Amino acid sequence: MSPGRVSLYVGLVAVLLVKVEGQTCNAWNMCGTGFVLKAGAAGIGCGAAPLTTCSNAVCCDATCDNAGWGGCGVGFTNRVGTSSIVCGADATSCSASLCCLVTCNSGLWAGCTTGFTNKPSLATITCGATASACSTTTCCDVTCDNSGWLGCTIGFRDKAKNTAITCGSTAAACTTTTCCDVTCDNSAFSCPAGYTSKSALNT
């Protein structure tokens, strides 16, 4: 084959390759926000140049950041990387189970029990994929009426409304200072000369 014919042949092959590539979604690659190229986009044909039949509907799948679905509601938060989580052909395929994680303010779990109170900012605390992942440890702080601490000793009594006084994440964080008031029978106090102790000093 002469050099001229070889050059012409190579040129024709190049043109054909460009045309074939131009007929695929992979070459078009213009999915809008909330969409990503379908798997196998290189093999999905969508018309010759100027690629007029290529579109989101033909070439793309919806992702969890698609504006066409309602998004994560109360009690849920977005999973990390929503723009890369594929829902399906359109936004109707997106769902909370696919795109969201449960937070501590979800009404799907029982909540904090006696001796505990809600941690601050429940809506920002993530449990996991389902409400069963929410727990006292994750979502609650210990209060002064928690059975895990020994309580006020001699010379002290429970502060008023101790059920609303937060110690911290564990009962070990509860202390006499946090949870108790001093009473008259406290060892650090005694009546001065000329006075005598009242009855019921521990009240």
C-alpha atoms as a PDB file:
ATOM      1  CA  MET A   1       0.000   0.000   0.000  1.00  0.00           C
ATOM      2  CA  SER A   2       1.411   3.386  -0.971  1.00  0.00           C
ATOM      3  CA  PRO A   3       2.216   5.973   1.702  1.00  0.00           C
ATOM      4  CA  GLY A   4      -0.615   8.176   0.413  1.00  0.00           C
ATOM      5  CA  ARG A   5      -3.177   5.415   0.740  1.00  0.00           C
ATOM      6  CA  VAL A   6      -1.886   4.526   4.201  1.00  0.00           C
ATOM      7  CA  SER A   7      -2.370   8.116   5.346  1.00  0.00           C
ATOM      8  CA  LEU A   8      -5.860   8.213   3.860  1.00  0.00           C
ATOM      9  CA  TYR A   9      -6.735   4.905   5.548  1.00  0.00           C
ATOM     10  CA  VAL A  10      -5.469   6.089   8.933  1.00  0.00           C
ATOM     11  CA  GLY A  11      -7.431   9.289   8.557  1.00  0.00           C
ATOM     12  CA  LEU A  12     -10.661   7.438   7.751  1.00  0.00           C
ATOM     13  CA  VAL A  13     -10.195   5.145  10.740  1.00  0.00           C
ATOM     14  CA  ALA A  14      -9.677   8.160  12.992  1.00  0.00           C
ATOM     15  CA  VAL A  15     -12.842   9.810  11.676  1.00  0.00           C
ATOM     16  CA  LEU A  16     -14.837   6.611  12.195  1.00  0.00           C
ATOM     17  CA  LEU A  17     -13.528   6.253  15.733  1.00  0.00           C
ATOM     18  CA  VAL A  18     -14.468   9.841  16.539  1.00  0.00           C
ATOM     19  CA  LYS A  19     -17.937   9.285  15.107  1.00  0.00           C
ATOM     20  CA  VAL A  20     -18.455   6.085  17.091  1.00  0.00           C
ATOM     21  CA  GLU A  21     -17.184   7.713  20.276  1.00  0.00           C
ATOM     22  CA  GLY A  22     -19.383  10.711  19.574  1.00  0.00           C
ATOM     23  CA  GLN A  23     -22.442   8.479  19.522  1.00  0.00           C
ATOM     24  CA  THR A  24     -22.062   7.389  23.140  1.00  0.00           C
ATOM     25  CA  CYS A  25     -23.072   8.889  26.466  1.00  0.00           C
ATOM     26  CA  ASN A  26     -19.481   8.579  27.599  1.00  0.00           C
ATOM     27  CA  ALA A  27     -18.365  11.125  24.997  1.00  0.00           C
ATOM     28  CA  TRP A  28     -21.259  13.449  25.788  1.00  0.00           C
ATOM     29  CA  ASN A  29     -20.630  13.353  29.576  1.00  0.00           C
ATOM     30  CA  MET A  30     -22.817  16.340  30.445  1.00  0.00           C
ATOM     31  CA  CYS A  31     -25.043  15.024  33.246  1.00  0.00           C
ATOM     32  CA  GLY A  32     -26.532  17.875  35.258  1.00  0.00           C
ATOM     33  CA  THR A  33     -26.383  18.414  39.010  1.00  0.00           C
ATOM     34  CA  GLY A  34     -28.017  15.498  40.793  1.00  0.00           C
ATOM     35  CA  PHE A  35     -27.138  13.038  38.050  1.00  0.00           C
ATOM     36  CA  VAL A  36     -24.194  10.794  37.185  1.00  0.00           C
ATOM     37  CA  LEU A  37     -23.352   8.843  34.031  1.00  0.00           C
ATOM     38  CA  LYS A  38     -25.035   5.479  33.886  1.00  0.00           C
ATOM     39  CA  ALA A  39     -22.834   2.420  34.338  1.00  0.00           C
ATOM     40  CA  GLY A  40     -21.569   1.316  30.936  1.00  0.00           C
ATOM     41  CA  ALA A  41     -22.062   4.808  29.477  1.00  0.00           C
ATOM     42  CA  ALA A  42     -19.383   4.093  26.888  1.00  0.00           C
ATOM     43  CA  GLY A  43     -21.708   1.558  25.301  1.00  0.00           C
ATOM     44  CA  ILE A  44     -24.910   3.613  25.386  1.00  0.00           C
ATOM     45  CA  GLY A  45     -25.600   5.189  21.994  1.00  0.00           C
ATOM     46  CA  CYS A  46     -27.333   8.539  21.859  1.00  0.00           C
ATOM     47  CA  GLY A  47     -27.025   9.845  18.314  1.00  0.00           C
ATOM     48  CA  ALA A  48     -24.386  11.176  15.975  1.00  0.00           C
ATOM     49  CA  ALA A  49     -22.932  14.657  16.073  1.00  0.00           C
ATOM     50  CA  PRO A  50     -24.129  17.113  17.250  1.00  0.00           C
ATOM     51  CA  LEU A  51     -25.298  14.532  19.805  1.00  0.00           C
ATOM     52  CA  THR A  52     -28.820  15.936  19.876  1.00  0.00           C
ATOM     53  CA  THR A  53     -30.371  12.834  21.466  1.00  0.00           C
ATOM     54  CA  CYS A  54     -27.995  12.669  24.441  1.00  0.00           C
ATOM     55  CA  SER A  55     -29.699  13.778  27.669  1.00  0.00           C
ATOM     56  CA  ASN A  56     -29.992  13.106  31.402  1.00  0.00           C
ATOM     57  CA  ALA A  57     -32.865  10.723  30.699  1.00  0.00           C
ATOM     58  CA  VAL A  58     -30.843   8.672  28.221  1.00  0.00           C
ATOM     59  CA  CYS A  59     -27.386   8.820  29.714  1.00  0.00           C
ATOM     60  CA  CYS A  60     -27.661   9.513  33.440  1.00  0.00           C
ATOM     61  CA  ASP A  61     -28.930   8.111  36.728  1.00  0.00           C
ATOM     62  CA  ALA A  62     -30.237  10.281  39.563  1.00  0.00           C
ATOM     63  CA  THR A  63     -28.090  10.664  42.694  1.00  0.00           C
ATOM     64  CA  CYS A  64     -29.046  11.462  46.280  1.00  0.00           C
ATOM     65  CA  ASP A  65     -28.380  15.183  45.802  1.00  0.00           C
ATOM     66  CA  ASN A  66     -31.025  15.359  43.065  1.00  0.00           C
ATOM     67  CA  ALA A  67     -33.430  18.255  43.571  1.00  0.00           C
ATOM     68  CA  GLY A  68     -36.309  16.132  42.351  1.00  0.00           C
ATOM     69  CA  TRP A  69     -36.781  14.255  45.613  1.00  0.00           C
ATOM     70  CA  GLY A  70     -37.831  15.620  48.984  1.00  0.00           C
ATOM     71  CA  GLY A  71     -34.547  14.978  50.738  1.00  0.00           C
ATOM     72  CA  CYS A  72     -33.899  13.757  54.267  1.00  0.00           C
ATOM     73  CA  GLY A  73     -36.686  14.878  56.603  1.00  0.00           C
ATOM     74  CA  VAL A  74     -36.776  15.423  60.368  1.00  0.00           C
ATOM     75  CA  GLY A  75     -34.927  12.668  62.187  1.00  0.00           C
ATOM     76  CA  PHE A  76     -32.544  12.045  59.312  1.00  0.00           C
ATOM     77  CA  THR A  77     -29.363  13.556  57.875  1.00  0.00           C
ATOM     78  CA  ASN A  78     -27.609  13.166  54.519  1.00  0.00           C
ATOM     79  CA  ARG A  79     -25.184  10.326  54.073  1.00  0.00           C
ATOM     80  CA  VAL A  80     -21.654  11.389  53.199  1.00  0.00           C
ATOM     81  CA  GLY A  81     -21.065  11.735  49.453  1.00  0.00           C
ATOM     82  CA  THR A  82     -24.674  12.165  48.325  1.00  0.00           C
ATOM     83  CA  SER A  83     -23.531  13.271  44.866  1.00  0.00           C
ATOM     84  CA  SER A  84     -22.017   9.854  44.230  1.00  0.00           C
ATOM     85  CA  ILE A  85     -24.819   7.677  45.678  1.00  0.00           C
ATOM     86  CA  VAL A  86     -26.885   6.416  42.749  1.00  0.00           C
ATOM     87  CA  CYS A  87     -30.660   6.164  43.255  1.00  0.00           C
ATOM     88  CA  GLY A  88     -31.816   4.929  39.872  1.00  0.00           C
ATOM     89  CA  ALA A  89     -33.208   6.186  36.603  1.00  0.00           C
ATOM     90  CA  ASP A  90     -34.882   9.221  38.196  1.00  0.00           C
ATOM     91  CA  ALA A  91     -35.392  10.997  41.521  1.00  0.00           C
ATOM     92  CA  THR A  92     -38.395   8.830  42.435  1.00  0.00           C
ATOM     93  CA  SER A  93     -35.890   6.051  43.108  1.00  0.00           C
ATOM     94  CA  CYS A  94     -34.239   8.085  45.885  1.00  0.00           C
ATOM     95  CA  SER A  95     -35.308   7.256  49.452  1.00  0.00           C
ATOM     96  CA  ALA A  96     -34.395   7.904  53.070  1.00  0.00           C
ATOM     97  CA  SER A  97     -33.008   4.391  53.479  1.00  0.00           C
ATOM     98  CA  LEU A  98     -30.717   4.909  50.504  1.00  0.00           C
ATOM     99  CA  CYS A  99     -29.672   8.527  50.964  1.00  0.00           C
ATOM    100  CA  CYS A 100     -30.004   9.282  54.692  1.00  0.00           C
ATOM    101  CA  LEU A 101     -28.849   8.260  58.150  1.00  0.00           C
ATOM    102  CA  VAL A 102     -31.018   8.341  61.284  1.00  0.00           C
ATOM    103  CA  THR A 103     -30.347  11.024  63.908  1.00  0.00           C
ATOM    104  CA  CYS A 104     -31.104  11.065  67.641  1.00  0.00           C
ATOM    105  CA  ASN A 105     -34.214  13.214  67.171  1.00  0.00           C
ATOM    106  CA  SER A 106     -35.879  10.487  65.149  1.00  0.00           C
ATOM    107  CA  GLY A 107     -39.302   9.492  66.399  1.00  0.00           C
ATOM    108  CA  LEU A 108     -38.441   5.914  65.448  1.00  0.00           C
ATOM    109  CA  TRP A 109     -36.574   5.121  68.669  1.00  0.00           C
ATOM    110  CA  ALA A 110     -37.860   5.057  72.259  1.00  0.00           C
ATOM    111  CA  GLY A 111     -35.724   7.933  73.549  1.00  0.00           C
ATOM    112  CA  CYS A 112     -33.887   8.488  76.828  1.00  0.00           C
ATOM    113  CA  THR A 113     -35.151   6.624  79.893  1.00  0.00           C
ATOM    114  CA  THR A 114     -35.192   7.498  83.627  1.00  0.00           C
ATOM    115  CA  GLY A 115     -31.810   8.763  84.801  1.00  0.00           C
ATOM    116  CA  PHE A 116     -30.956  10.198  81.404  1.00  0.00           C
ATOM    117  CA  THR A 117     -31.807  13.271  79.357  1.00  0.00           C
ATOM    118  CA  ASN A 118     -31.372  14.217  75.710  1.00  0.00           C
ATOM    119  CA  LYS A 119     -27.946  15.375  74.628  1.00  0.00           C
ATOM    120  CA  PRO A 120     -27.882  18.908  73.180  1.00  0.00           C
ATOM    121  CA  SER A 121     -28.470  19.254  69.418  1.00  0.00           C
ATOM    122  CA  LEU A 122     -30.044  15.827  68.850  1.00  0.00           C
ATOM    123  CA  ALA A 123     -30.634  16.626  65.184  1.00  0.00           C
ATOM    124  CA  THR A 124     -26.883  16.758  64.573  1.00  0.00           C
ATOM    125  CA  ILE A 125     -26.044  13.441  66.259  1.00  0.00           C
ATOM    126  CA  THR A 126     -26.023  10.543  63.806  1.00  0.00           C
ATOM    127  CA  CYS A 127     -27.037   7.066  64.963  1.00  0.00           C
ATOM    128  CA  GLY A 128     -26.645   4.997  61.803  1.00  0.00           C
ATOM    129  CA  ALA A 129     -28.620   3.465  58.958  1.00  0.00           C
ATOM    130  CA  THR A 130     -31.630   2.550  61.122  1.00  0.00           C
ATOM    131  CA  ALA A 131     -33.231   3.726  64.362  1.00  0.00           C
ATOM    132  CA  SER A 132     -32.022   0.553  66.072  1.00  0.00           C
ATOM    133  CA  ALA A 133     -28.554   2.099  65.958  1.00  0.00           C
ATOM    134  CA  CYS A 134     -29.708   4.900  68.290  1.00  0.00           C
ATOM    135  CA  SER A 135     -28.848   4.234  71.927  1.00  0.00           C
ATOM    136  CA  THR A 136     -28.657   5.815  75.354  1.00  0.00           C
ATOM    137  CA  THR A 137     -24.887   6.068  74.962  1.00  0.00           C
ATOM    138  CA  THR A 138     -25.168   7.894  71.652  1.00  0.00           C
ATOM    139  CA  CYS A 139     -28.134  10.152  72.317  1.00  0.00           C
ATOM    140  CA  CYS A 140     -28.392  10.725  76.093  1.00  0.00           C
ATOM    141  CA  ASP A 141     -26.547  12.326  78.996  1.00  0.00           C
ATOM    142  CA  VAL A 142     -26.738  11.064  82.582  1.00  0.00           C
ATOM    143  CA  THR A 143     -28.791  13.032  85.135  1.00  0.00           C
ATOM    144  CA  CYS A 144     -28.446  13.214  88.905  1.00  0.00           C
ATOM    145  CA  ASP A 145     -31.199  10.653  89.490  1.00  0.00           C
ATOM    146  CA  ASN A 146     -29.272   7.991  87.568  1.00  0.00           C
ATOM    147  CA  SER A 147     -28.988   4.692  89.406  1.00  0.00           C
ATOM    148  CA  GLY A 148     -25.369   4.377  88.347  1.00  0.00           C
ATOM    149  CA  TRP A 149     -24.035   6.774  90.939  1.00  0.00           C
ATOM    150  CA  LEU A 150     -24.125   6.355  94.723  1.00  0.00           C
ATOM    151  CA  GLY A 151     -26.100   9.510  95.464  1.00  0.00           C
ATOM    152  CA  CYS A 152     -25.697  12.169  98.120  1.00  0.00           C
ATOM    153  CA  THR A 153     -23.876  11.099 101.296  1.00  0.00           C
ATOM    154  CA  ILE A 154     -24.358  12.176 104.939  1.00  0.00           C
ATOM    155  CA  GLY A 155     -24.301  15.945 105.197  1.00  0.00           C
ATOM    156  CA  PHE A 156     -25.873  16.400 101.764  1.00  0.00           C
ATOM    157  CA  ARG A 157     -29.261  15.962 100.106  1.00  0.00           C
ATOM    158  CA  ASP A 158     -30.510  15.800  96.542  1.00  0.00           C
ATOM    159  CA  LYS A 159     -30.823  19.127  94.801  1.00  0.00           C
ATOM    160  CA  ALA A 160     -34.310  20.099  93.740  1.00  0.00           C
ATOM    161  CA  LYS A 161     -35.292  18.835  90.277  1.00  0.00           C
ATOM    162  CA  ASN A 162     -32.287  16.525  90.164  1.00  0.00           C
ATOM    163  CA  THR A 163     -33.903  14.718  87.225  1.00  0.00           C
ATOM    164  CA  ALA A 164     -33.132  17.777  85.125  1.00  0.00           C
ATOM    165  CA  ILE A 165     -29.532  18.235  86.257  1.00  0.00           C
ATOM    166  CA  THR A 166     -27.078  16.830  83.712  1.00  0.00           C
ATOM    167  CA  CYS A 167     -23.862  15.196  84.906  1.00  0.00           C
ATOM    168  CA  GLY A 168     -22.247  14.140  81.639  1.00  0.00           C
ATOM    169  CA  SER A 169     -21.958  11.120  79.393  1.00  0.00           C
ATOM    170  CA  THR A 170     -21.550   8.583  82.248  1.00  0.00           C
ATOM    171  CA  ALA A 171     -22.657   8.242  85.876  1.00  0.00           C
ATOM    172  CA  ALA A 172     -19.032   8.694  86.923  1.00  0.00           C
ATOM    173  CA  ALA A 173     -19.436  12.351  85.983  1.00  0.00           C
ATOM    174  CA  CYS A 174     -22.079  12.837  88.711  1.00  0.00           C
ATOM    175  CA  THR A 175     -20.656  14.459  91.853  1.00  0.00           C
ATOM    176  CA  THR A 176     -21.812  15.814  95.193  1.00  0.00           C
ATOM    177  CA  THR A 177     -21.112  19.326  93.916  1.00  0.00           C
ATOM    178  CA  THR A 178     -23.288  18.819  90.853  1.00  0.00           C
ATOM    179  CA  CYS A 179     -26.155  16.905  92.383  1.00  0.00           C
ATOM    180  CA  CYS A 180     -26.343  17.716  96.095  1.00  0.00           C
ATOM    181  CA  ASP A 181     -27.026  20.567  98.499  1.00  0.00           C
ATOM    182  CA  VAL A 182     -25.300  20.828 101.893  1.00  0.00           C
ATOM    183  CA  THR A 183     -27.382  20.081 105.024  1.00  0.00           C
ATOM    184  CA  CYS A 184     -26.860  21.229 108.599  1.00  0.00           C
ATOM    185  CA  ASP A 185     -25.439  17.882 109.675  1.00  0.00           C
ATOM    186  CA  ASN A 186     -22.521  18.333 107.307  1.00  0.00           C
ATOM    187  CA  SER A 187     -19.223  17.650 109.031  1.00  0.00           C
ATOM    188  CA  ALA A 188     -17.854  20.959 107.797  1.00  0.00           C
ATOM    189  CA  PHE A 189     -20.392  22.885 109.898  1.00  0.00           C
ATOM    190  CA  SER A 190     -21.035  23.229 113.644  1.00  0.00           C
ATOM    191  CA  CYS A 191     -23.074  25.618 115.719  1.00  0.00           C
ATOM    192  CA  PRO A 192     -21.033  28.330 117.445  1.00  0.00           C
ATOM    193  CA  ALA A 193     -20.962  28.885 121.200  1.00  0.00           C
ATOM    194  CA  GLY A 194     -24.341  29.847 122.557  1.00  0.00           C
ATOM    195  CA  TYR A 195     -26.255  27.837 119.944  1.00  0.00           C
ATOM    196  CA  THR A 196     -27.416  24.278 119.759  1.00  0.00           C
ATOM    197  CA  SER A 197     -28.302  22.131 116.770  1.00  0.00           C
ATOM    198  CA  LYS A 198     -31.888  22.109 115.523  1.00  0.00           C
ATOM    199  CA  SER A 199     -33.686  18.823 115.119  1.00  0.00           C
ATOM    200  CA  ALA A 200     -33.814  17.198 111.681  1.00  0.00           C
ATOM    201  CA  LEU A 201     -30.462  18.629 110.652  1.00  0.00           C
ATOM    202  CA  ASN A 202     -30.456  16.635 107.447  1.00  0.00           C
ATOM    203  CA  THR A 203     -33.454  18.412 105.943  1.00  0.00           C
END
